[in-house]
Amino acid sequence: MIKYEIDKNGFLTGSWATVGSFDNFVELNEPLAEIDKNLKWNGNEFVKDVNPEIVKQNNKKELNDLKQWFDCFYTQHEQKFRRLSALDKNDDDGVNANIKLGSLYSEAEVKRMRIQELENMICE
């Protein structure tokens, strides 16, 4: 017999034991093929579901990644702005740098909107 710990919502926590117990657990005769924290106990068996805690963890990771991107963005922005300031406006390199800076702004705006979306989801 194998005991699998489940959280208050019935999702696997990833912990299991053959000896001992947990406060909240499911006991099975056969081991699960995989420990997936998106498996939820429905009273008879584990079924695939969306674990809100995993979603929240993934959102926090994505938010952190986006904020790190912005750290790099600010450095790139400063470097490109200095380069543009030093170039003649009619210089082809200046035009190309300006186009690249514009696409960087567009990307930053998309990422900024995603940050707002994630922050709203995490705070709910």
PDB file of N, CA and C in Angstrom:
ATOM      1  N   MET A   1       0.832  -1.181   0.000  1.00  0.00           N
ATOM      2  CA  MET A   1       0.000   0.000   0.000  1.00  0.00           C
ATOM      3  C   MET A   1       0.879   1.247   0.000  1.00  0.00           C
ATOM      4  N   ILE A   2       0.486   2.224  -0.809  1.00  0.00           N
ATOM      5  CA  ILE A   2       1.220   3.485  -0.917  1.00  0.00           C
ATOM      6  C   ILE A   2       0.265   4.616  -0.573  1.00  0.00           C
ATOM      7  N   LYS A   3       0.741   5.495   0.288  1.00  0.00           N
ATOM      8  CA  LYS A   3      -0.065   6.651   0.688  1.00  0.00           C
ATOM      9  C   LYS A   3       0.475   7.877  -0.024  1.00  0.00           C
ATOM     10  N   TYR A   4      -0.423   8.588  -0.708  1.00  0.00           N
ATOM     11  CA  TYR A   4      -0.075   9.815  -1.406  1.00  0.00           C
ATOM     12  C   TYR A   4      -0.720  10.981  -0.679  1.00  0.00           C
ATOM     13  N   GLU A   5       0.089  11.965  -0.354  1.00  0.00           N
ATOM     14  CA  GLU A   5      -0.438  13.154   0.310  1.00  0.00           C
ATOM     15  C   GLU A   5      -1.187  14.003  -0.715  1.00  0.00           C
ATOM     16  N   ILE A   6      -2.349  14.499  -0.287  1.00  0.00           N
ATOM     17  CA  ILE A   6      -3.118  15.418  -1.132  1.00  0.00           C
ATOM     18  C   ILE A   6      -3.349  16.706  -0.336  1.00  0.00           C
ATOM     19  N   ASP A   7      -3.470  17.810  -1.059  1.00  0.00           N
ATOM     20  CA  ASP A   7      -3.715  19.090  -0.383  1.00  0.00           C
ATOM     21  C   ASP A   7      -5.200  19.234  -0.066  1.00  0.00           C
ATOM     22  N   LYS A   8      -5.585  20.364   0.488  1.00  0.00           N
ATOM     23  CA  LYS A   8      -6.980  20.589   0.910  1.00  0.00           C
ATOM     24  C   LYS A   8      -7.961  20.544  -0.256  1.00  0.00           C
ATOM     25  N   ASN A   9      -7.449  20.736  -1.493  1.00  0.00           N
ATOM     26  CA  ASN A   9      -8.314  20.689  -2.679  1.00  0.00           C
ATOM     27  C   ASN A   9      -8.297  19.326  -3.368  1.00  0.00           C
ATOM     28  N   GLY A  10      -7.524  18.379  -2.815  1.00  0.00           N
ATOM     29  CA  GLY A  10      -7.481  17.028  -3.370  1.00  0.00           C
ATOM     30  C   GLY A  10      -6.370  16.792  -4.380  1.00  0.00           C
ATOM     31  N   PHE A  11      -5.495  17.777  -4.593  1.00  0.00           N
ATOM     32  CA  PHE A  11      -4.393  17.620  -5.548  1.00  0.00           C
ATOM     33  C   PHE A  11      -3.194  16.960  -4.883  1.00  0.00           C
ATOM     34  N   LEU A  12      -2.482  16.163  -5.670  1.00  0.00           N
ATOM     35  CA  LEU A  12      -1.240  15.561  -5.189  1.00  0.00           C
ATOM     36  C   LEU A  12      -0.255  16.648  -4.785  1.00  0.00           C
ATOM     37  N   THR A  13       0.466  16.407  -3.692  1.00  0.00           N
ATOM     38  CA  THR A  13       1.493  17.355  -3.262  1.00  0.00           C
ATOM     39  C   THR A  13       2.871  16.934  -3.758  1.00  0.00           C
ATOM     40  N   GLY A  14       2.995  15.668  -4.147  1.00  0.00           N
ATOM     41  CA  GLY A  14       4.290  15.136  -4.566  1.00  0.00           C
ATOM     42  C   GLY A  14       4.893  14.232  -3.505  1.00  0.00           C
ATOM     43  N   SER A  15       4.340  14.254  -2.294  1.00  0.00           N
ATOM     44  CA  SER A  15       4.843  13.402  -1.211  1.00  0.00           C
ATOM     45  C   SER A  15       4.086  12.083  -1.175  1.00  0.00           C
ATOM     46  N   TRP A  16       4.826  11.019  -0.869  1.00  0.00           N
ATOM     47  CA  TRP A  16       4.216   9.701  -0.744  1.00  0.00           C
ATOM     48  C   TRP A  16       4.990   8.901   0.300  1.00  0.00           C
ATOM     49  N   ALA A  17       4.377   7.821   0.790  1.00  0.00           N
ATOM     50  CA  ALA A  17       5.022   6.995   1.803  1.00  0.00           C
ATOM     51  C   ALA A  17       4.468   5.578   1.751  1.00  0.00           C
ATOM     52  N   THR A  18       5.326   4.631   2.082  1.00  0.00           N
ATOM     53  CA  THR A  18       4.868   3.247   2.251  1.00  0.00           C
ATOM     54  C   THR A  18       4.754   2.932   3.739  1.00  0.00           C
ATOM     55  N   VAL A  19       5.432   3.718   4.550  1.00  0.00           N
ATOM     56  CA  VAL A  19       5.372   3.595   6.005  1.00  0.00           C
ATOM     57  C   VAL A  19       5.017   4.975   6.555  1.00  0.00           C
ATOM     58  N   GLY A  20       4.175   5.000   7.560  1.00  0.00           N
ATOM     59  CA  GLY A  20       3.777   6.293   8.113  1.00  0.00           C
ATOM     60  C   GLY A  20       2.550   6.822   7.394  1.00  0.00           C
ATOM     61  N   SER A  21       2.259   8.090   7.661  1.00  0.00           N
ATOM     62  CA  SER A  21       1.037   8.649   7.095  1.00  0.00           C
ATOM     63  C   SER A  21       1.143  10.170   6.986  1.00  0.00           C
ATOM     64  N   PHE A  22       0.106  10.745   6.452  1.00  0.00           N
ATOM     65  CA  PHE A  22      -0.035  12.195   6.313  1.00  0.00           C
ATOM     66  C   PHE A  22      -1.375  12.588   6.918  1.00  0.00           C
ATOM     67  N   ASP A  23      -1.555  13.865   7.174  1.00  0.00           N
ATOM     68  CA  ASP A  23      -2.845  14.333   7.686  1.00  0.00           C
ATOM     69  C   ASP A  23      -3.947  14.117   6.660  1.00  0.00           C
ATOM     70  N   ASN A  24      -3.626  14.359   5.405  1.00  0.00           N
ATOM     71  CA  ASN A  24      -4.604  14.241   4.327  1.00  0.00           C
ATOM     72  C   ASN A  24      -3.975  13.388   3.231  1.00  0.00           C
ATOM     73  N   PHE A  25      -4.491  12.175   3.023  1.00  0.00           N
ATOM     74  CA  PHE A  25      -3.851  11.274   2.065  1.00  0.00           C
ATOM     75  C   PHE A  25      -4.859  10.344   1.409  1.00  0.00           C
ATOM     76  N   VAL A  26      -4.375   9.702   0.338  1.00  0.00           N
ATOM     77  CA  VAL A  26      -5.114   8.674  -0.373  1.00  0.00           C
ATOM     78  C   VAL A  26      -4.213   7.450  -0.389  1.00  0.00           C
ATOM     79  N   GLU A  27      -4.779   6.289  -0.090  1.00  0.00           N
ATOM     80  CA  GLU A  27      -3.998   5.057  -0.066  1.00  0.00           C
ATOM     81  C   GLU A  27      -4.362   4.201  -1.276  1.00  0.00           C
ATOM     82  N   LEU A  28      -3.356   3.806  -2.025  1.00  0.00           N
ATOM     83  CA  LEU A  28      -3.556   2.997  -3.234  1.00  0.00           C
ATOM     84  C   LEU A  28      -2.790   1.678  -3.123  1.00  0.00           C
ATOM     85  N   ASN A  29      -3.315   0.656  -3.794  1.00  0.00           N
ATOM     86  CA  ASN A  29      -2.622  -0.641  -3.829  1.00  0.00           C
ATOM     87  C   ASN A  29      -1.433  -0.600  -4.775  1.00  0.00           C
ATOM     88  N   GLU A  30      -1.575   0.101  -5.875  1.00  0.00           N
ATOM     89  CA  GLU A  30      -0.533   0.183  -6.898  1.00  0.00           C
ATOM     90  C   GLU A  30       0.028   1.596  -6.965  1.00  0.00           C
ATOM     91  N   PRO A  31       1.327   1.727  -7.227  1.00  0.00           N
ATOM     92  CA  PRO A  31       1.899   3.079  -7.338  1.00  0.00           C
ATOM     93  C   PRO A  31       1.397   3.794  -8.596  1.00  0.00           C
ATOM     94  N   LEU A  32       1.328   5.081  -8.504  1.00  0.00           N
ATOM     95  CA  LEU A  32       0.973   5.885  -9.673  1.00  0.00           C
ATOM     96  C   LEU A  32       2.108   5.814 -10.689  1.00  0.00           C
ATOM     97  N   ALA A  33       1.785   5.895 -11.955  1.00  0.00           N
ATOM     98  CA  ALA A  33       2.803   5.874 -13.015  1.00  0.00           C
ATOM     99  C   ALA A  33       3.664   7.127 -12.953  1.00  0.00           C
ATOM    100  N   GLU A  34       3.065   8.245 -12.515  1.00  0.00           N
ATOM    101  CA  GLU A  34       3.802   9.489 -12.402  1.00  0.00           C
ATOM    102  C   GLU A  34       3.227  10.328 -11.267  1.00  0.00           C
ATOM    103  N   ILE A  35       4.088  11.124 -10.667  1.00  0.00           N
ATOM    104  CA  ILE A  35       3.638  12.077  -9.649  1.00  0.00           C
ATOM    105  C   ILE A  35       3.437  13.406 -10.371  1.00  0.00           C
ATOM    106  N   ASP A  36       2.206  13.739 -10.597  1.00  0.00           N
ATOM    107  CA  ASP A  36       1.843  14.956 -11.315  1.00  0.00           C
ATOM    108  C   ASP A  36       0.967  15.789 -10.380  1.00  0.00           C
ATOM    109  N   LYS A  37       1.416  16.975 -10.057  1.00  0.00           N
ATOM    110  CA  LYS A  37       0.684  17.818  -9.111  1.00  0.00           C
ATOM    111  C   LYS A  37      -0.610  18.370  -9.702  1.00  0.00           C
ATOM    112  N   ASN A  38      -0.916  18.020 -10.940  1.00  0.00           N
ATOM    113  CA  ASN A  38      -2.194  18.367 -11.556  1.00  0.00           C
ATOM    114  C   ASN A  38      -3.170  17.191 -11.505  1.00  0.00           C
ATOM    115  N   LEU A  39      -2.824  16.155 -10.747  1.00  0.00           N
ATOM    116  CA  LEU A  39      -3.746  15.043 -10.530  1.00  0.00           C
ATOM    117  C   LEU A  39      -4.564  15.332  -9.279  1.00  0.00           C
ATOM    118  N   LYS A  40      -5.867  15.138  -9.405  1.00  0.00           N
ATOM    119  CA  LYS A  40      -6.782  15.432  -8.301  1.00  0.00           C
ATOM    120  C   LYS A  40      -7.592  14.184  -7.966  1.00  0.00           C
ATOM    121  N   TRP A  41      -7.712  13.938  -6.692  1.00  0.00           N
ATOM    122  CA  TRP A  41      -8.499  12.794  -6.226  1.00  0.00           C
ATOM    123  C   TRP A  41      -9.982  13.152  -6.306  1.00  0.00           C
ATOM    124  N   ASN A  42     -10.748  12.332  -7.042  1.00  0.00           N
ATOM    125  CA  ASN A  42     -12.182  12.621  -7.189  1.00  0.00           C
ATOM    126  C   ASN A  42     -13.047  11.746  -6.292  1.00  0.00           C
ATOM    127  N   GLY A  43     -12.413  11.020  -5.379  1.00  0.00           N
ATOM    128  CA  GLY A  43     -13.138  10.128  -4.478  1.00  0.00           C
ATOM    129  C   GLY A  43     -12.939   8.672  -4.831  1.00  0.00           C
ATOM    130  N   ASN A  44     -12.601   8.407  -6.100  1.00  0.00           N
ATOM    131  CA  ASN A  44     -12.385   7.033  -6.563  1.00  0.00           C
ATOM    132  C   ASN A  44     -11.023   6.840  -7.223  1.00  0.00           C
ATOM    133  N   GLU A  45     -10.559   7.913  -7.864  1.00  0.00           N
ATOM    134  CA  GLU A  45      -9.298   7.822  -8.609  1.00  0.00           C
ATOM    135  C   GLU A  45      -8.722   9.223  -8.811  1.00  0.00           C
ATOM    136  N   PHE A  46      -7.467   9.247  -9.251  1.00  0.00           N
ATOM    137  CA  PHE A  46      -6.850  10.524  -9.602  1.00  0.00           C
ATOM    138  C   PHE A  46      -7.193  10.853 -11.044  1.00  0.00           C
ATOM    139  N   VAL A  47      -7.593  12.079 -11.270  1.00  0.00           N
ATOM    140  CA  VAL A  47      -7.907  12.543 -12.622  1.00  0.00           C
ATOM    141  C   VAL A  47      -7.114  13.825 -12.889  1.00  0.00           C
ATOM    142  N   LYS A  48      -6.795  14.050 -14.148  1.00  0.00           N
ATOM    143  CA  LYS A  48      -6.084  15.261 -14.551  1.00  0.00           C
ATOM    144  C   LYS A  48      -6.991  16.467 -14.362  1.00  0.00           C
ATOM    145  N   ASP A  49      -6.452  17.520 -13.755  1.00  0.00           N
ATOM    146  CA  ASP A  49      -7.206  18.748 -13.532  1.00  0.00           C
ATOM    147  C   ASP A  49      -6.203  19.896 -13.525  1.00  0.00           C
ATOM    148  N   VAL A  50      -6.678  21.086 -13.360  1.00  0.00           N
ATOM    149  CA  VAL A  50      -5.799  22.259 -13.301  1.00  0.00           C
ATOM    150  C   VAL A  50      -5.639  22.646 -11.838  1.00  0.00           C
ATOM    151  N   ASN A  51      -4.434  22.480 -11.328  1.00  0.00           N
ATOM    152  CA  ASN A  51      -4.128  22.805  -9.943  1.00  0.00           C
ATOM    153  C   ASN A  51      -3.881  24.307  -9.843  1.00  0.00           C
ATOM    154  N   PRO A  52      -4.740  25.038  -9.133  1.00  0.00           N
ATOM    155  CA  PRO A  52      -4.577  26.490  -9.060  1.00  0.00           C
ATOM    156  C   PRO A  52      -3.254  26.914  -8.421  1.00  0.00           C
ATOM    157  N   GLU A  53      -2.702  26.106  -7.529  1.00  0.00           N
ATOM    158  CA  GLU A  53      -1.417  26.436  -6.913  1.00  0.00           C
ATOM    159  C   GLU A  53      -0.279  26.342  -7.927  1.00  0.00           C
ATOM    160  N   ILE A  54      -0.342  25.372  -8.810  1.00  0.00           N
ATOM    161  CA  ILE A  54       0.678  25.223  -9.858  1.00  0.00           C
ATOM    162  C   ILE A  54       0.562  26.378 -10.841  1.00  0.00           C
ATOM    163  N   VAL A  55      -0.659  26.737 -11.196  1.00  0.00           N
ATOM    164  CA  VAL A  55      -0.879  27.883 -12.091  1.00  0.00           C
ATOM    165  C   VAL A  55      -0.286  29.145 -11.463  1.00  0.00           C
ATOM    166  N   LYS A  56      -0.535  29.333 -10.175  1.00  0.00           N
ATOM    167  CA  LYS A  56      -0.028  30.516  -9.471  1.00  0.00           C
ATOM    168  C   LYS A  56       1.507  30.511  -9.452  1.00  0.00           C
ATOM    169  N   GLN A  57       2.114  29.362  -9.180  1.00  0.00           N
ATOM    170  CA  GLN A  57       3.580  29.256  -9.195  1.00  0.00           C
ATOM    171  C   GLN A  57       4.135  29.582 -10.581  1.00  0.00           C
ATOM    172  N   ASN A  58       3.501  29.042 -11.616  1.00  0.00           N
ATOM    173  CA  ASN A  58       3.951  29.308 -12.992  1.00  0.00           C
ATOM    174  C   ASN A  58       3.809  30.785 -13.347  1.00  0.00           C
ATOM    175  N   ASN A  59       2.709  31.405 -12.900  1.00  0.00           N
ATOM    176  CA  ASN A  59       2.509  32.832 -13.151  1.00  0.00           C
ATOM    177  C   ASN A  59       3.574  33.668 -12.448  1.00  0.00           C
ATOM    178  N   LYS A  60       3.910  33.301 -11.207  1.00  0.00           N
ATOM    179  CA  LYS A  60       4.953  34.022 -10.477  1.00  0.00           C
ATOM    180  C   LYS A  60       6.304  33.892 -11.177  1.00  0.00           C
ATOM    181  N   LYS A  61       6.600  32.700 -11.692  1.00  0.00           N
ATOM    182  CA  LYS A  61       7.865  32.504 -12.407  1.00  0.00           C
ATOM    183  C   LYS A  61       7.897  33.342 -13.678  1.00  0.00           C
ATOM    184  N   GLU A  62       6.786  33.325 -14.436  1.00  0.00           N
ATOM    185  CA  GLU A  62       6.722  34.123 -15.662  1.00  0.00           C
ATOM    186  C   GLU A  62       6.867  35.611 -15.338  1.00  0.00           C
ATOM    187  N   LEU A  63       6.214  36.058 -14.268  1.00  0.00           N
ATOM    188  CA  LEU A  63       6.308  37.458 -13.860  1.00  0.00           C
ATOM    189  C   LEU A  63       7.747  37.818 -13.518  1.00  0.00           C
ATOM    190  N   ASN A  64       8.421  36.965 -12.791  1.00  0.00           N
ATOM    191  CA  ASN A  64       9.826  37.199 -12.449  1.00  0.00           C
ATOM    192  C   ASN A  64      10.689  37.258 -13.709  1.00  0.00           C
ATOM    193  N   ASP A  65      10.450  36.339 -14.654  1.00  0.00           N
ATOM    194  CA  ASP A  65      11.199  36.336 -15.918  1.00  0.00           C
ATOM    195  C   ASP A  65      10.986  37.637 -16.694  1.00  0.00           C
ATOM    196  N   LEU A  66       9.742  38.116 -16.728  1.00  0.00           N
ATOM    197  CA  LEU A  66       9.448  39.357 -17.433  1.00  0.00           C
ATOM    198  C   LEU A  66      10.130  40.552 -16.773  1.00  0.00           C
ATOM    199  N   LYS A  67      10.134  40.572 -15.459  1.00  0.00           N
ATOM    200  CA  LYS A  67      10.792  41.677 -14.751  1.00  0.00           C
ATOM    201  C   LYS A  67      12.302  41.647 -14.999  1.00  0.00           C
ATOM    202  N   GLN A  68      12.880  40.450 -15.091  1.00  0.00           N
ATOM    203  CA  GLN A  68      14.304  40.350 -15.428  1.00  0.00           C
ATOM    204  C   GLN A  68      14.543  40.842 -16.852  1.00  0.00           C
ATOM    205  N   TRP A  69      13.612  40.556 -17.762  1.00  0.00           N
ATOM    206  CA  TRP A  69      13.734  41.039 -19.136  1.00  0.00           C
ATOM    207  C   TRP A  69      13.782  42.567 -19.138  1.00  0.00           C
ATOM    208  N   PHE A  70      12.933  43.183 -18.315  1.00  0.00           N
ATOM    209  CA  PHE A  70      12.919  44.642 -18.262  1.00  0.00           C
ATOM    210  C   PHE A  70      14.224  45.207 -17.725  1.00  0.00           C
ATOM    211  N   ASP A  71      14.879  44.500 -16.814  1.00  0.00           N
ATOM    212  CA  ASP A  71      16.199  44.950 -16.355  1.00  0.00           C
ATOM    213  C   ASP A  71      17.151  45.048 -17.547  1.00  0.00           C
ATOM    214  N   CYS A  72      17.132  44.027 -18.402  1.00  0.00           N
ATOM    215  CA  CYS A  72      17.976  44.042 -19.614  1.00  0.00           C
ATOM    216  C   CYS A  72      17.496  45.106 -20.597  1.00  0.00           C
ATOM    217  N   PHE A  73      16.167  45.251 -20.701  1.00  0.00           N
ATOM    218  CA  PHE A  73      15.590  46.246 -21.612  1.00  0.00           C
ATOM    219  C   PHE A  73      16.097  47.643 -21.286  1.00  0.00           C
ATOM    220  N   TYR A  74      16.097  47.990 -20.007  1.00  0.00           N
ATOM    221  CA  TYR A  74      16.531  49.334 -19.621  1.00  0.00           C
ATOM    222  C   TYR A  74      17.999  49.559 -19.985  1.00  0.00           C
ATOM    223  N   THR A  75      18.818  48.528 -19.820  1.00  0.00           N
ATOM    224  CA  THR A  75      20.230  48.632 -20.198  1.00  0.00           C
ATOM    225  C   THR A  75      20.354  48.802 -21.709  1.00  0.00           C
ATOM    226  N   GLN A  76      19.632  47.980 -22.486  1.00  0.00           N
ATOM    227  CA  GLN A  76      19.665  48.083 -23.947  1.00  0.00           C
ATOM    228  C   GLN A  76      19.149  49.449 -24.401  1.00  0.00           C
ATOM    229  N   HIS A  77      18.070  49.901 -23.783  1.00  0.00           N
ATOM    230  CA  HIS A  77      17.495  51.184 -24.148  1.00  0.00           C
ATOM    231  C   HIS A  77      18.519  52.301 -23.954  1.00  0.00           C
ATOM    232  N   GLU A  78      19.174  52.296 -22.838  1.00  0.00           N
ATOM    233  CA  GLU A  78      20.165  53.329 -22.552  1.00  0.00           C
ATOM    234  C   GLU A  78      21.311  53.286 -23.560  1.00  0.00           C
ATOM    235  N   GLN A  79      21.787  52.079 -23.863  1.00  0.00           N
ATOM    236  CA  GLN A  79      22.895  51.944 -24.821  1.00  0.00           C
ATOM    237  C   GLN A  79      22.473  52.425 -26.207  1.00  0.00           C
ATOM    238  N   LYS A  80      21.292  52.021 -26.653  1.00  0.00           N
ATOM    239  CA  LYS A  80      20.834  52.421 -27.990  1.00  0.00           C
ATOM    240  C   LYS A  80      20.549  53.918 -28.051  1.00  0.00           C
ATOM    241  N   PHE A  81      19.991  54.471 -26.993  1.00  0.00           N
ATOM    242  CA  PHE A  81      19.715  55.899 -26.965  1.00  0.00           C
ATOM    243  C   PHE A  81      21.025  56.691 -27.074  1.00  0.00           C
ATOM    244  N   ARG A  82      22.041  56.265 -26.347  1.00  0.00           N
ATOM    245  CA  ARG A  82      23.339  56.942 -26.426  1.00  0.00           C
ATOM    246  C   ARG A  82      23.918  56.824 -27.829  1.00  0.00           C
ATOM    247  N   ARG A  83      23.759  55.655 -28.428  1.00  0.00           N
ATOM    248  CA  ARG A  83      24.288  55.442 -29.788  1.00  0.00           C
ATOM    249  C   ARG A  83      23.569  56.348 -30.780  1.00  0.00           C
ATOM    250  N   LEU A  84      22.248  56.425 -30.661  1.00  0.00           N
ATOM    251  CA  LEU A  84      21.473  57.283 -31.562  1.00  0.00           C
ATOM    252  C   LEU A  84      21.855  58.751 -31.392  1.00  0.00           C
ATOM    253  N   SER A  85      22.069  59.149 -30.168  1.00  0.00           N
ATOM    254  CA  SER A  85      22.437  60.534 -29.905  1.00  0.00           C
ATOM    255  C   SER A  85      23.772  60.886 -30.528  1.00  0.00           C
ATOM    256  N   ALA A  86      24.641  59.897 -30.626  1.00  0.00           N
ATOM    257  CA  ALA A  86      25.984  60.141 -31.152  1.00  0.00           C
ATOM    258  C   ALA A  86      26.025  60.095 -32.680  1.00  0.00           C
ATOM    259  N   LEU A  87      24.988  59.495 -33.295  1.00  0.00           N
ATOM    260  CA  LEU A  87      24.989  59.333 -34.758  1.00  0.00           C
ATOM    261  C   LEU A  87      24.307  60.507 -35.447  1.00  0.00           C
ATOM    262  N   ASP A  88      24.726  60.751 -36.651  1.00  0.00           N
ATOM    263  CA  ASP A  88      24.065  61.746 -37.496  1.00  0.00           C
ATOM    264  C   ASP A  88      22.692  61.200 -37.881  1.00  0.00           C
ATOM    265  N   LYS A  89      21.648  61.998 -37.846  1.00  0.00           N
ATOM    266  CA  LYS A  89      20.288  61.559 -38.156  1.00  0.00           C
ATOM    267  C   LYS A  89      20.151  60.970 -39.558  1.00  0.00           C
ATOM    268  N   ASN A  90      20.999  61.393 -40.499  1.00  0.00           N
ATOM    269  CA  ASN A  90      20.906  60.894 -41.874  1.00  0.00           C
ATOM    270  C   ASN A  90      21.746  59.643 -42.099  1.00  0.00           C
ATOM    271  N   ASP A  91      22.472  59.227 -41.116  1.00  0.00           N
ATOM    272  CA  ASP A  91      23.336  58.049 -41.219  1.00  0.00           C
ATOM    273  C   ASP A  91      22.464  56.790 -41.263  1.00  0.00           C
ATOM    274  N   ASP A  92      22.768  55.861 -42.161  1.00  0.00           N
ATOM    275  CA  ASP A  92      22.000  54.613 -42.261  1.00  0.00           C
ATOM    276  C   ASP A  92      22.006  53.838 -40.952  1.00  0.00           C
ATOM    277  N   ASP A  93      23.141  53.837 -40.241  1.00  0.00           N
ATOM    278  CA  ASP A  93      23.202  53.132 -38.959  1.00  0.00           C
ATOM    279  C   ASP A  93      22.217  53.750 -37.969  1.00  0.00           C
ATOM    280  N   GLY A  94      22.058  55.056 -38.005  1.00  0.00           N
ATOM    281  CA  GLY A  94      21.115  55.726 -37.121  1.00  0.00           C
ATOM    282  C   GLY A  94      19.692  55.320 -37.414  1.00  0.00           C
ATOM    283  N   VAL A  95      19.354  55.207 -38.699  1.00  0.00           N
ATOM    284  CA  VAL A  95      18.012  54.783 -39.097  1.00  0.00           C
ATOM    285  C   VAL A  95      17.767  53.353 -38.630  1.00  0.00           C
ATOM    286  N   ASN A  96      18.739  52.460 -38.865  1.00  0.00           N
ATOM    287  CA  ASN A  96      18.588  51.064 -38.446  1.00  0.00           C
ATOM    288  C   ASN A  96      18.478  50.945 -36.927  1.00  0.00           C
ATOM    289  N   ALA A  97      19.279  51.713 -36.213  1.00  0.00           N
ATOM    290  CA  ALA A  97      19.227  51.672 -34.755  1.00  0.00           C
ATOM    291  C   ALA A  97      17.873  52.178 -34.260  1.00  0.00           C
ATOM    292  N   ASN A  98      17.339  53.208 -34.936  1.00  0.00           N
ATOM    293  CA  ASN A  98      16.047  53.756 -34.549  1.00  0.00           C
ATOM    294  C   ASN A  98      14.931  52.732 -34.777  1.00  0.00           C
ATOM    295  N   ILE A  99      14.994  52.004 -35.887  1.00  0.00           N
ATOM    296  CA  ILE A  99      14.009  50.956 -36.180  1.00  0.00           C
ATOM    297  C   ILE A  99      14.093  49.865 -35.111  1.00  0.00           C
ATOM    298  N   LYS A 100      15.307  49.441 -34.763  1.00  0.00           N
ATOM    299  CA  LYS A 100      15.476  48.402 -33.746  1.00  0.00           C
ATOM    300  C   LYS A 100      14.956  48.882 -32.396  1.00  0.00           C
ATOM    301  N   LEU A 101      15.173  50.138 -32.074  1.00  0.00           N
ATOM    302  CA  LEU A 101      14.705  50.695 -30.817  1.00  0.00           C
ATOM    303  C   LEU A 101      13.175  50.695 -30.791  1.00  0.00           C
ATOM    304  N   GLY A 102      12.558  51.024 -31.930  1.00  0.00           N
ATOM    305  CA  GLY A 102      11.097  51.002 -32.018  1.00  0.00           C
ATOM    306  C   GLY A 102      10.529  49.612 -31.801  1.00  0.00           C
ATOM    307  N   SER A 103      11.169  48.585 -32.374  1.00  0.00           N
ATOM    308  CA  SER A 103      10.678  47.221 -32.175  1.00  0.00           C
ATOM    309  C   SER A 103      10.884  46.782 -30.734  1.00  0.00           C
ATOM    310  N   LEU A 104      11.940  47.261 -30.098  1.00  0.00           N
ATOM    311  CA  LEU A 104      12.178  46.957 -28.692  1.00  0.00           C
ATOM    312  C   LEU A 104      11.081  47.588 -27.828  1.00  0.00           C
ATOM    313  N   TYR A 105      10.664  48.815 -28.172  1.00  0.00           N
ATOM    314  CA  TYR A 105       9.561  49.466 -27.447  1.00  0.00           C
ATOM    315  C   TYR A 105       8.268  48.661 -27.597  1.00  0.00           C
ATOM    316  N   SER A 106       8.013  48.172 -28.806  1.00  0.00           N
ATOM    317  CA  SER A 106       6.806  47.374 -29.052  1.00  0.00           C
ATOM    318  C   SER A 106       6.812  46.110 -28.201  1.00  0.00           C
ATOM    319  N   GLU A 107       7.937  45.448 -28.175  1.00  0.00           N
ATOM    320  CA  GLU A 107       8.066  44.228 -27.367  1.00  0.00           C
ATOM    321  C   GLU A 107       7.878  44.552 -25.884  1.00  0.00           C
ATOM    322  N   ALA A 108       8.440  45.665 -25.445  1.00  0.00           N
ATOM    323  CA  ALA A 108       8.321  46.074 -24.044  1.00  0.00           C
ATOM    324  C   ALA A 108       6.860  46.337 -23.683  1.00  0.00           C
ATOM    325  N   GLU A 109       6.107  46.935 -24.580  1.00  0.00           N
ATOM    326  CA  GLU A 109       4.695  47.229 -24.306  1.00  0.00           C
ATOM    327  C   GLU A 109       3.901  45.941 -24.145  1.00  0.00           C
ATOM    328  N   VAL A 110       4.153  44.950 -24.990  1.00  0.00           N
ATOM    329  CA  VAL A 110       3.469  43.654 -24.882  1.00  0.00           C
ATOM    330  C   VAL A 110       3.810  43.007 -23.538  1.00  0.00           C
ATOM    331  N   LYS A 111       5.075  43.037 -23.172  1.00  0.00           N
ATOM    332  CA  LYS A 111       5.507  42.439 -21.910  1.00  0.00           C
ATOM    333  C   LYS A 111       4.950  43.214 -20.715  1.00  0.00           C
ATOM    334  N   ARG A 112       4.851  44.532 -20.815  1.00  0.00           N
ATOM    335  CA  ARG A 112       4.293  45.337 -19.735  1.00  0.00           C
ATOM    336  C   ARG A 112       2.830  44.964 -19.492  1.00  0.00           C
ATOM    337  N   MET A 113       2.078  44.765 -20.569  1.00  0.00           N
ATOM    338  CA  MET A 113       0.672  44.384 -20.440  1.00  0.00           C
ATOM    339  C   MET A 113       0.547  42.996 -19.809  1.00  0.00           C
ATOM    340  N   ARG A 114       1.462  42.088 -20.182  1.00  0.00           N
ATOM    341  CA  ARG A 114       1.440  40.738 -19.598  1.00  0.00           C
ATOM    342  C   ARG A 114       1.770  40.797 -18.102  1.00  0.00           C
ATOM    343  N   ILE A 115       2.690  41.670 -17.712  1.00  0.00           N
ATOM    344  CA  ILE A 115       3.020  41.837 -16.292  1.00  0.00           C
ATOM    345  C   ILE A 115       1.782  42.272 -15.519  1.00  0.00           C
ATOM    346  N   GLN A 116       1.043  43.246 -16.057  1.00  0.00           N
ATOM    347  CA  GLN A 116      -0.183  43.695 -15.399  1.00  0.00           C
ATOM    348  C   GLN A 116      -1.177  42.548 -15.254  1.00  0.00           C
ATOM    349  N   GLU A 117      -1.334  41.780 -16.313  1.00  0.00           N
ATOM    350  CA  GLU A 117      -2.261  40.655 -16.316  1.00  0.00           C
ATOM    351  C   GLU A 117      -1.865  39.633 -15.239  1.00  0.00           C
ATOM    352  N   LEU A 118      -0.571  39.281 -15.192  1.00  0.00           N
ATOM    353  CA  LEU A 118      -0.100  38.302 -14.221  1.00  0.00           C
ATOM    354  C   LEU A 118      -0.242  38.819 -12.795  1.00  0.00           C
ATOM    355  N   GLU A 119       0.103  40.093 -12.580  1.00  0.00           N
ATOM    356  CA  GLU A 119      -0.034  40.661 -11.237  1.00  0.00           C
ATOM    357  C   GLU A 119      -1.492  40.634 -10.768  1.00  0.00           C
ATOM    358  N   ASN A 120      -2.414  40.883 -11.674  1.00  0.00           N
ATOM    359  CA  ASN A 120      -3.842  40.823 -11.328  1.00  0.00           C
ATOM    360  C   ASN A 120      -4.261  39.391 -10.986  1.00  0.00           C
ATOM    361  N   MET A 121      -3.773  38.417 -11.757  1.00  0.00           N
ATOM    362  CA  MET A 121      -4.121  37.020 -11.503  1.00  0.00           C
ATOM    363  C   MET A 121      -3.548  36.535 -10.177  1.00  0.00           C
ATOM    364  N   ILE A 122      -2.325  36.930  -9.875  1.00  0.00           N
ATOM    365  CA  ILE A 122      -1.667  36.477  -8.645  1.00  0.00           C
ATOM    366  C   ILE A 122      -2.339  37.070  -7.421  1.00  0.00           C
ATOM    367  N   CYS A 123      -2.815  38.292  -7.541  1.00  0.00           N
ATOM    368  CA  CYS A 123      -3.441  38.981  -6.401  1.00  0.00           C
ATOM    369  C   CYS A 123      -4.867  38.529  -6.132  1.00  0.00           C
ATOM    370  N   GLU A 124      -5.476  37.827  -7.064  1.00  0.00           N
ATOM    371  CA  GLU A 124      -6.878  37.393  -6.885  1.00  0.00           C
ATOM    372  C   GLU A 124      -7.005  36.362  -5.791  1.00  0.00           C
TER     373      GLU A 124
END
